């Protein structure tokens, strides 16, 4: 839980009172590898911070799964569109490894927003970061080759990327597993 406070305090100072108000609403939950954190058709009820582990976001299309995002330890995780609209998700979130989350419910987060000034600052920052990540990914798909997208992902999460199955990485950068294998051969 201390990692969450440090994450927040890198954004804005927190009084002990504000931290206690927020942390009292957190619950810790562990998920086994391959567990679903959110299933398509279900409404996201939590904003979570990953203490350990990693997850992938994907859509099921016919008989294939298209991975469109990853989340790693030290980051927030949520089916955010479903969370903020409180409507069913049209995608899945799955643990890729044993994953430990600190979670706050939608209703408890609304209470934090209403009762603390720091909650609004942190909420705005989180929304801005999610927007920037989405905009960056969209621009990458428009301006970079698959090899460049792979290299950028590898630079950002070197240690963790080695743990993600190739079929998920290939899907994430928009290519087949065979094309990813060719890219890896050229690079290494």
Protein backbone atom coordinates (compact mmCIF):
# COMPACT_ATOMS: atom_id res chain seq x y z
CA UNK A 1 0.00 0.00 0.00
CA UNK A 2 2.96 2.32 0.56
CA UNK A 3 3.73 2.17 -3.17
CA UNK A 4 0.32 3.74 -3.86
CA UNK A 5 0.99 6.61 -1.48
CA UNK A 6 4.40 7.19 -3.08
CA UNK A 7 2.79 7.15 -6.52
CA UNK A 8 0.22 9.76 -5.42
CA UNK A 9 2.77 11.92 -3.64
CA UNK A 10 4.81 12.12 -6.84
CA UNK A 11 1.73 13.91 -8.24
CA UNK A 12 0.65 16.01 -5.27
CA UNK A 13 1.36 16.17 -1.53
CA UNK A 14 -1.01 14.14 0.67
CA UNK A 15 -1.83 14.92 4.26
CA UNK A 16 -2.11 11.95 6.61
CA UNK A 17 -5.83 12.71 6.87
CA UNK A 18 -6.28 12.56 3.08
CA UNK A 19 -4.21 9.38 2.82
CA UNK A 20 -6.16 7.75 5.65
CA UNK A 21 -9.46 8.66 3.98
CA UNK A 22 -8.31 7.08 0.73
CA UNK A 23 -6.45 4.06 2.10
CA UNK A 24 -9.37 3.11 4.37
CA UNK A 25 -11.36 2.43 1.20
CA UNK A 26 -8.76 0.09 -0.35
CA UNK A 27 -9.03 -3.69 -0.32
CA UNK A 28 -6.29 -6.15 -1.28
CA UNK A 29 -7.11 -8.99 -3.65
CA UNK A 30 -4.99 -11.73 -5.20
CA UNK A 31 -5.65 -13.39 -8.55
CA UNK A 32 -4.14 -16.55 -9.99
CA UNK A 33 -2.45 -16.58 -13.38
CA UNK A 34 -5.04 -16.52 -16.20
CA UNK A 35 -7.82 -15.30 -13.87
CA UNK A 36 -10.19 -12.77 -15.34
CA UNK A 37 -10.12 -9.42 -13.61
CA UNK A 38 -12.97 -8.24 -15.83
CA UNK A 39 -15.07 -10.21 -18.30
CA UNK A 40 -16.78 -8.85 -21.37
CA UNK A 41 -20.40 -7.99 -20.55
CA UNK A 42 -19.63 -7.22 -16.89
CA UNK A 43 -19.35 -3.72 -15.46
CA UNK A 44 -16.00 -2.66 -14.01
CA UNK A 45 -16.52 -1.96 -10.32
CA UNK A 46 -12.96 -1.07 -9.32
CA UNK A 47 -9.98 1.11 -9.97
CA UNK A 48 -6.98 -1.03 -9.01
CA UNK A 49 -3.28 -0.53 -8.35
CA UNK A 50 -1.05 -3.48 -9.27
CA UNK A 51 1.23 -4.37 -6.37
CA UNK A 52 2.65 -7.37 -8.21
CA UNK A 53 1.94 -9.08 -11.49
CA UNK A 54 0.71 -8.01 -14.89
CA UNK A 55 -2.43 -8.16 -16.96
CA UNK A 56 -3.59 -7.87 -20.53
CA UNK A 57 -6.66 -6.26 -22.05
CA UNK A 58 -8.21 -8.03 -25.03
CA UNK A 59 -11.29 -8.44 -27.16
CA UNK A 60 -12.55 -11.75 -28.47
CA UNK A 61 -13.18 -11.65 -32.21
CA UNK A 62 -14.52 -14.83 -33.73
CA UNK A 63 -11.95 -17.45 -32.76
CA UNK A 64 -9.06 -15.11 -31.96
CA UNK A 65 -8.17 -12.74 -29.16
CA UNK A 66 -6.88 -9.26 -29.97
CA UNK A 67 -4.68 -7.83 -27.21
CA UNK A 68 -4.84 -4.05 -27.04
CA UNK A 69 -3.11 -3.16 -23.77
CA UNK A 70 -0.98 -4.39 -20.88
CA UNK A 71 -0.73 -3.21 -17.27
CA UNK A 72 2.26 -3.87 -15.01
CA UNK A 73 3.22 -3.69 -11.32
CA UNK A 74 3.32 -0.11 -10.10
CA UNK A 75 0.53 0.98 -12.43
CA UNK A 76 -3.20 1.48 -12.17
CA UNK A 77 -5.48 -1.00 -13.87
CA UNK A 78 -9.14 -0.66 -14.72
CA UNK A 79 -11.59 -1.29 -17.50
CA UNK A 80 -11.74 2.47 -17.29
CA UNK A 81 -14.42 3.18 -19.91
CA UNK A 82 -16.72 0.69 -18.20
CA UNK A 83 -15.70 2.06 -14.80
CA UNK A 84 -16.47 5.72 -15.49
CA UNK A 85 -19.69 5.03 -17.42
CA UNK A 86 -20.75 2.14 -15.16
CA UNK A 87 -21.80 0.22 -18.25
CA UNK A 88 -20.81 -3.30 -19.37
CA UNK A 89 -17.33 -3.74 -20.82
CA UNK A 90 -16.88 -4.94 -24.40
CA UNK A 91 -13.46 -6.41 -23.57
CA UNK A 92 -11.69 -8.64 -21.05
CA UNK A 93 -8.89 -8.08 -18.57
CA UNK A 94 -6.85 -11.15 -17.59
CA UNK A 95 -3.96 -11.72 -15.19
CA UNK A 96 -0.86 -12.94 -17.04
CA UNK A 97 0.88 -13.91 -13.81
CA UNK A 98 -0.18 -14.21 -10.20
CA UNK A 99 -1.41 -10.68 -9.59
CA UNK A 100 -2.02 -8.72 -6.39
CA UNK A 101 -4.25 -5.66 -6.58
CA UNK A 102 -5.22 -2.87 -4.20
CA UNK A 103 -8.75 -1.88 -5.22
CA UNK A 104 -11.20 0.92 -4.59
CA UNK A 105 -14.83 0.61 -5.64
CA UNK A 106 -16.54 3.07 -7.94
CA UNK A 107 -18.78 4.34 -5.15
CA UNK A 108 -15.93 4.72 -2.67
CA UNK A 109 -13.91 6.64 -5.25
CA UNK A 110 -16.83 9.00 -5.81
CA UNK A 111 -16.90 9.61 -2.05
CA UNK A 112 -13.16 10.38 -2.06
CA UNK A 113 -13.67 12.82 -4.94
CA UNK A 114 -16.48 14.56 -3.05
CA UNK A 115 -14.79 14.74 0.34
CA UNK A 116 -11.12 15.50 -0.42
CA UNK A 117 -9.51 18.11 -2.62
CA UNK A 118 -6.59 15.81 -3.37
CA UNK A 119 -8.97 13.19 -4.80
CA UNK A 120 -9.98 15.51 -7.61
CA UNK A 121 -6.35 16.37 -8.42
CA UNK A 122 -5.35 12.72 -8.52
CA UNK A 123 -8.44 11.77 -10.52
CA UNK A 124 -7.72 14.46 -13.10
CA UNK A 125 -4.09 13.37 -13.32
CA UNK A 126 -5.07 9.70 -13.78
CA UNK A 127 -7.56 10.59 -16.52
CA UNK A 128 -4.97 12.76 -18.27
CA UNK A 129 -2.39 9.96 -18.15
CA UNK A 130 -4.87 7.44 -19.57
CA UNK A 131 -5.72 9.87 -22.38
CA UNK A 132 -2.05 10.49 -23.17
CA UNK A 133 -1.29 6.75 -23.27
CA UNK A 134 -4.25 6.12 -25.59
CA UNK A 135 -3.34 9.02 -27.87
CA UNK A 136 0.29 7.87 -28.00
CA UNK A 137 -0.72 4.31 -28.90
CA UNK A 138 -3.02 5.54 -31.65
CA UNK A 139 -0.26 7.74 -33.07
CA UNK A 140 2.21 4.83 -32.91
CA UNK A 141 -0.12 2.72 -35.05
CA UNK A 142 -0.39 5.52 -37.59
CA UNK A 143 3.29 6.44 -37.78
CA UNK A 144 5.43 3.44 -36.78
CA UNK A 145 6.17 0.05 -38.23
CA UNK A 146 5.41 -3.09 -36.26
CA UNK A 147 9.14 -3.45 -35.56
CA UNK A 148 9.30 0.08 -34.13
CA UNK A 149 6.24 -0.59 -31.95
CA UNK A 150 7.87 -3.79 -30.67
CA UNK A 151 11.16 -2.03 -29.90
CA UNK A 152 9.37 0.75 -28.03
CA UNK A 153 7.43 -1.74 -25.93
CA UNK A 154 10.63 -3.67 -25.27
CA UNK A 155 12.42 -0.49 -24.12
CA UNK A 156 9.57 0.44 -21.75
CA UNK A 157 9.16 -2.95 -20.05
CA UNK A 158 12.23 -5.04 -20.93
CA UNK A 159 12.08 -7.48 -18.02
CA UNK A 160 8.34 -7.94 -18.12
CA UNK A 161 7.95 -8.26 -21.89
CA UNK A 162 10.08 -11.38 -21.76
CA UNK A 163 7.34 -12.99 -19.63
CA UNK A 164 4.48 -12.21 -22.02
CA UNK A 165 3.66 -14.93 -24.56
CA UNK A 166 4.60 -13.99 -28.12
CA UNK A 167 1.06 -14.39 -29.42
CA UNK A 168 -0.12 -11.61 -27.07
CA UNK A 169 2.78 -9.32 -28.03
CA UNK A 170 2.15 -9.95 -31.73
CA UNK A 171 -1.53 -9.14 -31.35
CA UNK A 172 -0.71 -5.99 -29.37
CA UNK A 173 1.52 -4.58 -32.10
CA UNK A 174 -0.88 -5.67 -34.83
CA UNK A 175 0.96 -8.56 -36.48
CA UNK A 176 0.95 -12.35 -36.59
CA UNK A 177 3.14 -14.44 -34.27
CA UNK A 178 5.15 -15.49 -37.35
CA UNK A 179 5.87 -11.85 -38.25
CA UNK A 180 6.94 -11.20 -34.63
CA UNK A 181 9.32 -14.15 -34.86
CA UNK A 182 10.88 -12.63 -37.99
CA UNK A 183 11.27 -9.26 -36.24
CA UNK A 184 12.93 -10.90 -33.24
CA UNK A 185 15.35 -12.78 -35.53
CA UNK A 186 16.35 -9.53 -37.27
CA UNK A 187 16.87 -7.71 -33.97
CA UNK A 188 18.78 -10.40 -32.08
